[in-house]
Amino acid sequence: TNEEYQYQFRAKSAPAQLWTPYLTNICMQAMETRKNISGNMVITMGLFSREQAKFVRNMMEKEGIKLMILELQISDEDVVARNKARNRRKAAIMGLTMNELWDSRERMKKWGQFN
């Protein structure tokens, strides 16, 4: 099932069992990378709740890694513009038109034009 998608773009938070494996993996990769550098590092990723931020902070601090979490805000217009640009690049790399790219998506096959 696609249980995680029922929470996407909704007001309610996803249960921890859906996101902890992903965030654990990201933290483990960061910890491994940290062993090979001598300075600070930056990780960019989206955290969708304070609970997720607390989870990441606790996991990293248990390993003695201090971190700073920043909240960046972006307007809906900028999100749409950036997604369009990203999808145009993806379509070009794949040799597809935007319509062909959209039609090739699994959601389009399952749900149709207005998913």
N, C-alpha and C. Protein backbone atom coordinates (compact mmCIF):
# COMPACT_ATOMS: atom_id res chain seq x y z
N THR A 1 0.84 -1.20 0.00
CA THR A 1 0.00 0.00 0.00
C THR A 1 0.87 1.24 0.00
N ASN A 2 0.26 2.34 -0.30
CA ASN A 2 0.95 3.63 -0.28
C ASN A 2 0.46 4.45 0.90
N GLU A 3 0.59 3.85 2.08
CA GLU A 3 0.08 4.49 3.29
C GLU A 3 0.65 5.88 3.50
N GLU A 4 1.94 6.05 3.15
CA GLU A 4 2.57 7.35 3.39
C GLU A 4 1.93 8.47 2.58
N TYR A 5 1.34 8.16 1.42
CA TYR A 5 0.77 9.20 0.58
C TYR A 5 -0.52 9.79 1.14
N GLN A 6 -1.18 9.08 2.04
CA GLN A 6 -2.40 9.64 2.60
C GLN A 6 -2.13 10.82 3.52
N TYR A 7 -0.87 11.03 3.89
CA TYR A 7 -0.50 12.14 4.75
C TYR A 7 0.12 13.30 3.98
N GLN A 8 0.48 13.05 2.72
CA GLN A 8 1.14 14.07 1.92
C GLN A 8 0.19 15.24 1.68
N PHE A 9 0.65 16.44 1.97
CA PHE A 9 -0.11 17.67 1.78
C PHE A 9 -1.38 17.71 2.63
N ARG A 10 -1.37 17.05 3.75
CA ARG A 10 -2.49 17.06 4.67
C ARG A 10 -2.07 17.75 5.96
N ALA A 11 -3.04 18.15 6.75
CA ALA A 11 -2.75 18.84 8.00
C ALA A 11 -2.22 17.87 9.07
N LYS A 12 -2.61 16.60 8.99
CA LYS A 12 -2.18 15.65 10.01
C LYS A 12 -0.79 15.09 9.72
N SER A 13 -0.06 14.80 10.77
CA SER A 13 1.29 14.26 10.64
C SER A 13 1.23 12.76 10.39
N ALA A 14 2.22 12.29 9.66
CA ALA A 14 2.33 10.86 9.42
C ALA A 14 2.82 10.18 10.69
N PRO A 15 2.39 8.94 10.94
CA PRO A 15 2.89 8.20 12.10
C PRO A 15 4.40 7.99 12.00
N ALA A 16 5.06 7.98 13.14
CA ALA A 16 6.52 7.88 13.18
C ALA A 16 7.05 6.65 12.46
N GLN A 17 6.34 5.54 12.48
CA GLN A 17 6.86 4.33 11.83
C GLN A 17 7.02 4.50 10.32
N LEU A 18 6.39 5.51 9.74
CA LEU A 18 6.54 5.74 8.31
C LEU A 18 7.80 6.56 7.98
N TRP A 19 8.21 7.45 8.88
CA TRP A 19 9.35 8.31 8.56
C TRP A 19 10.63 8.00 9.33
N THR A 20 10.54 7.28 10.44
CA THR A 20 11.77 7.01 11.19
C THR A 20 12.81 6.20 10.41
N PRO A 21 12.44 5.21 9.61
CA PRO A 21 13.48 4.50 8.85
C PRO A 21 14.23 5.43 7.89
N TYR A 22 13.52 6.31 7.23
CA TYR A 22 14.15 7.24 6.29
C TYR A 22 15.09 8.19 7.02
N LEU A 23 14.60 8.82 8.09
CA LEU A 23 15.43 9.77 8.81
C LEU A 23 16.61 9.08 9.50
N THR A 24 16.41 7.86 9.97
CA THR A 24 17.51 7.09 10.55
C THR A 24 18.59 6.87 9.50
N ASN A 25 18.20 6.50 8.30
CA ASN A 25 19.14 6.28 7.21
C ASN A 25 19.91 7.56 6.89
N ILE A 26 19.22 8.68 6.80
CA ILE A 26 19.88 9.96 6.51
C ILE A 26 20.89 10.28 7.62
N CYS A 27 20.48 10.11 8.87
CA CYS A 27 21.38 10.39 9.99
C CYS A 27 22.59 9.48 9.97
N MET A 28 22.40 8.21 9.67
CA MET A 28 23.52 7.26 9.61
C MET A 28 24.50 7.66 8.51
N GLN A 29 23.98 8.08 7.36
CA GLN A 29 24.85 8.53 6.28
C GLN A 29 25.64 9.77 6.71
N ALA A 30 24.97 10.68 7.39
CA ALA A 30 25.63 11.90 7.86
C ALA A 30 26.73 11.55 8.87
N MET A 31 26.43 10.64 9.78
CA MET A 31 27.43 10.24 10.78
C MET A 31 28.64 9.59 10.11
N GLU A 32 28.41 8.77 9.11
CA GLU A 32 29.50 8.12 8.40
C GLU A 32 30.34 9.15 7.64
N THR A 33 29.67 10.08 6.99
CA THR A 33 30.38 11.14 6.27
C THR A 33 31.19 12.00 7.23
N ARG A 34 30.63 12.28 8.38
CA ARG A 34 31.28 13.13 9.39
C ARG A 34 32.62 12.55 9.82
N LYS A 35 32.75 11.24 9.80
CA LYS A 35 34.01 10.59 10.18
C LYS A 35 35.15 10.94 9.23
N ASN A 36 34.81 11.32 8.00
CA ASN A 36 35.81 11.54 6.97
C ASN A 36 36.12 13.01 6.70
N ILE A 37 35.56 13.91 7.48
CA ILE A 37 35.83 15.34 7.28
C ILE A 37 36.29 15.95 8.59
N SER A 38 36.98 17.07 8.48
CA SER A 38 37.49 17.70 9.69
C SER A 38 36.71 18.95 10.08
N GLY A 39 35.90 19.47 9.18
CA GLY A 39 35.17 20.70 9.47
C GLY A 39 33.68 20.48 9.61
N ASN A 40 32.96 21.55 9.46
CA ASN A 40 31.51 21.49 9.54
C ASN A 40 30.94 20.96 8.23
N MET A 41 29.71 20.51 8.27
CA MET A 41 29.03 20.07 7.06
C MET A 41 27.59 20.54 7.07
N VAL A 42 27.00 20.59 5.90
CA VAL A 42 25.62 21.03 5.75
C VAL A 42 24.83 19.89 5.11
N ILE A 43 23.68 19.62 5.67
CA ILE A 43 22.76 18.62 5.11
C ILE A 43 21.46 19.36 4.81
N THR A 44 20.98 19.24 3.60
CA THR A 44 19.71 19.87 3.27
C THR A 44 18.66 18.79 3.10
N MET A 45 17.58 18.94 3.78
CA MET A 45 16.47 17.99 3.69
C MET A 45 15.23 18.63 4.30
N GLY A 46 14.10 18.12 3.95
CA GLY A 46 12.87 18.63 4.51
C GLY A 46 12.42 17.83 5.72
N LEU A 47 12.16 18.53 6.79
CA LEU A 47 11.53 17.93 7.97
C LEU A 47 10.15 18.54 8.06
N PHE A 48 9.15 17.71 8.24
CA PHE A 48 7.78 18.18 8.13
C PHE A 48 7.09 18.41 9.46
N SER A 49 7.80 18.16 10.55
CA SER A 49 7.18 18.41 11.86
C SER A 49 8.27 18.62 12.90
N ARG A 50 7.89 19.20 14.00
CA ARG A 50 8.83 19.37 15.11
C ARG A 50 9.24 18.00 15.66
N GLU A 51 8.33 17.05 15.60
CA GLU A 51 8.64 15.69 16.06
C GLU A 51 9.80 15.10 15.25
N GLN A 52 9.79 15.31 13.93
CA GLN A 52 10.87 14.82 13.10
C GLN A 52 12.18 15.54 13.42
N ALA A 53 12.11 16.85 13.61
CA ALA A 53 13.31 17.62 13.95
C ALA A 53 13.90 17.14 15.28
N LYS A 54 13.04 16.88 16.25
CA LYS A 54 13.49 16.39 17.55
C LYS A 54 14.14 15.01 17.41
N PHE A 55 13.56 14.16 16.60
CA PHE A 55 14.11 12.83 16.35
C PHE A 55 15.52 12.93 15.79
N VAL A 56 15.69 13.77 14.76
CA VAL A 56 17.01 13.94 14.12
C VAL A 56 18.00 14.51 15.13
N ARG A 57 17.60 15.56 15.84
CA ARG A 57 18.49 16.19 16.82
C ARG A 57 18.93 15.18 17.87
N ASN A 58 18.00 14.41 18.43
CA ASN A 58 18.33 13.43 19.46
C ASN A 58 19.29 12.36 18.93
N MET A 59 19.02 11.88 17.72
CA MET A 59 19.87 10.83 17.16
C MET A 59 21.30 11.34 16.94
N MET A 60 21.43 12.54 16.43
CA MET A 60 22.76 13.09 16.16
C MET A 60 23.49 13.45 17.45
N GLU A 61 22.78 14.02 18.40
CA GLU A 61 23.43 14.43 19.65
C GLU A 61 23.86 13.23 20.49
N LYS A 62 23.16 12.09 20.35
CA LYS A 62 23.60 10.87 21.03
C LYS A 62 24.99 10.45 20.56
N GLU A 63 25.33 10.84 19.34
CA GLU A 63 26.64 10.52 18.77
C GLU A 63 27.63 11.66 18.96
N GLY A 64 27.23 12.66 19.74
CA GLY A 64 28.13 13.79 20.01
C GLY A 64 28.20 14.81 18.90
N ILE A 65 27.25 14.76 17.99
CA ILE A 65 27.23 15.70 16.87
C ILE A 65 26.20 16.78 17.16
N LYS A 66 26.67 18.00 17.25
CA LYS A 66 25.77 19.12 17.47
C LYS A 66 25.28 19.62 16.12
N LEU A 67 24.03 20.03 16.08
CA LEU A 67 23.52 20.53 14.82
C LEU A 67 22.63 21.73 15.03
N MET A 68 22.46 22.47 13.97
CA MET A 68 21.58 23.61 13.94
C MET A 68 20.53 23.33 12.87
N ILE A 69 19.28 23.44 13.24
CA ILE A 69 18.20 23.22 12.29
C ILE A 69 17.62 24.59 11.94
N LEU A 70 17.58 24.87 10.65
CA LEU A 70 17.04 26.14 10.17
C LEU A 70 15.70 25.91 9.49
N GLU A 71 14.81 26.84 9.65
CA GLU A 71 13.53 26.78 8.94
C GLU A 71 13.57 27.78 7.80
N LEU A 72 13.43 27.27 6.61
CA LEU A 72 13.38 28.11 5.43
C LEU A 72 11.95 28.12 4.91
N GLN A 73 11.48 29.27 4.54
CA GLN A 73 10.11 29.37 4.02
C GLN A 73 10.17 29.83 2.58
N ILE A 74 9.26 29.31 1.80
CA ILE A 74 9.20 29.63 0.38
C ILE A 74 7.73 29.81 0.01
N SER A 75 7.47 30.74 -0.88
CA SER A 75 6.08 30.99 -1.28
C SER A 75 5.58 29.86 -2.18
N ASP A 76 4.29 29.69 -2.23
CA ASP A 76 3.70 28.68 -3.11
C ASP A 76 4.09 28.93 -4.56
N GLU A 77 4.14 30.21 -4.94
CA GLU A 77 4.51 30.56 -6.32
C GLU A 77 5.92 30.09 -6.65
N ASP A 78 6.85 30.25 -5.70
CA ASP A 78 8.22 29.80 -5.92
C ASP A 78 8.30 28.28 -5.98
N VAL A 79 7.53 27.60 -5.16
CA VAL A 79 7.51 26.13 -5.19
C VAL A 79 7.06 25.65 -6.56
N VAL A 80 5.99 26.23 -7.08
CA VAL A 80 5.47 25.84 -8.39
C VAL A 80 6.50 26.12 -9.47
N ALA A 81 7.09 27.32 -9.45
CA ALA A 81 8.08 27.68 -10.46
C ALA A 81 9.28 26.73 -10.43
N ARG A 82 9.76 26.41 -9.24
CA ARG A 82 10.92 25.51 -9.13
C ARG A 82 10.58 24.10 -9.58
N ASN A 83 9.38 23.63 -9.23
CA ASN A 83 8.98 22.29 -9.67
C ASN A 83 8.83 22.22 -11.18
N LYS A 84 8.29 23.28 -11.77
CA LYS A 84 8.18 23.30 -13.24
C LYS A 84 9.56 23.23 -13.87
N ALA A 85 10.49 24.03 -13.37
CA ALA A 85 11.85 24.03 -13.92
C ALA A 85 12.50 22.66 -13.76
N ARG A 86 12.34 22.06 -12.58
CA ARG A 86 12.92 20.73 -12.32
C ARG A 86 12.32 19.69 -13.26
N ASN A 87 11.01 19.74 -13.46
CA ASN A 87 10.36 18.77 -14.34
C ASN A 87 10.74 18.99 -15.80
N ARG A 88 10.93 20.25 -16.20
CA ARG A 88 11.39 20.53 -17.57
C ARG A 88 12.79 19.93 -17.80
N ARG A 89 13.68 20.10 -16.82
CA ARG A 89 15.02 19.52 -16.94
C ARG A 89 14.95 17.99 -17.00
N LYS A 90 14.11 17.42 -16.15
CA LYS A 90 13.96 15.96 -16.13
C LYS A 90 13.43 15.46 -17.47
N ALA A 91 12.43 16.14 -18.01
CA ALA A 91 11.86 15.75 -19.31
C ALA A 91 12.92 15.84 -20.40
N ALA A 92 13.70 16.92 -20.39
CA ALA A 92 14.75 17.10 -21.41
C ALA A 92 15.78 15.98 -21.33
N ILE A 93 16.19 15.63 -20.11
CA ILE A 93 17.17 14.55 -19.92
C ILE A 93 16.62 13.24 -20.46
N MET A 94 15.32 13.02 -20.26
CA MET A 94 14.69 11.78 -20.70
C MET A 94 14.26 11.83 -22.16
N GLY A 95 14.40 13.00 -22.79
CA GLY A 95 13.99 13.14 -24.19
C GLY A 95 12.49 13.14 -24.36
N LEU A 96 11.77 13.67 -23.37
CA LEU A 96 10.31 13.69 -23.40
C LEU A 96 9.79 15.12 -23.38
N THR A 97 8.56 15.28 -23.86
CA THR A 97 7.87 16.56 -23.67
C THR A 97 7.32 16.54 -22.25
N MET A 98 6.88 17.69 -21.77
CA MET A 98 6.28 17.75 -20.43
C MET A 98 5.05 16.85 -20.36
N ASN A 99 4.23 16.85 -21.41
CA ASN A 99 3.04 15.99 -21.41
C ASN A 99 3.42 14.52 -21.35
N GLU A 100 4.44 14.14 -22.09
CA GLU A 100 4.89 12.75 -22.07
C GLU A 100 5.43 12.37 -20.70
N LEU A 101 6.16 13.29 -20.08
CA LEU A 101 6.66 13.04 -18.73
C LEU A 101 5.51 12.82 -17.76
N TRP A 102 4.53 13.70 -17.80
CA TRP A 102 3.38 13.59 -16.91
C TRP A 102 2.62 12.29 -17.16
N ASP A 103 2.39 11.98 -18.43
CA ASP A 103 1.63 10.76 -18.76
C ASP A 103 2.36 9.49 -18.36
N SER A 104 3.68 9.55 -18.21
CA SER A 104 4.45 8.36 -17.86
C SER A 104 4.42 8.07 -16.37
N ARG A 105 3.91 8.98 -15.58
CA ARG A 105 3.91 8.81 -14.13
C ARG A 105 2.90 7.76 -13.70
N GLU A 106 3.28 7.02 -12.68
CA GLU A 106 2.42 5.94 -12.17
C GLU A 106 1.07 6.48 -11.69
N ARG A 107 1.09 7.64 -11.03
CA ARG A 107 -0.18 8.19 -10.55
C ARG A 107 -1.12 8.47 -11.71
N MET A 108 -0.57 8.94 -12.84
CA MET A 108 -1.41 9.22 -14.01
C MET A 108 -2.06 7.94 -14.50
N LYS A 109 -1.27 6.86 -14.53
CA LYS A 109 -1.82 5.58 -14.99
C LYS A 109 -2.92 5.09 -14.06
N LYS A 110 -2.74 5.30 -12.77
CA LYS A 110 -3.70 4.78 -11.79
C LYS A 110 -4.91 5.68 -11.62
N TRP A 111 -4.68 7.01 -11.54
CA TRP A 111 -5.75 7.93 -11.16
C TRP A 111 -6.27 8.81 -12.29
N GLY A 112 -5.54 8.93 -13.37
CA GLY A 112 -6.01 9.73 -14.49
C GLY A 112 -5.57 11.18 -14.40
N GLN A 113 -6.23 12.00 -15.20
CA GLN A 113 -5.80 13.37 -15.44
C GLN A 113 -5.83 14.26 -14.20
N PHE A 114 -6.76 14.06 -13.30
CA PHE A 114 -6.92 15.00 -12.19
C PHE A 114 -6.59 14.36 -10.85
N ASN A 115 -5.39 13.82 -10.72
CA ASN A 115 -5.04 13.17 -9.46
C ASN A 115 -4.44 14.14 -8.49
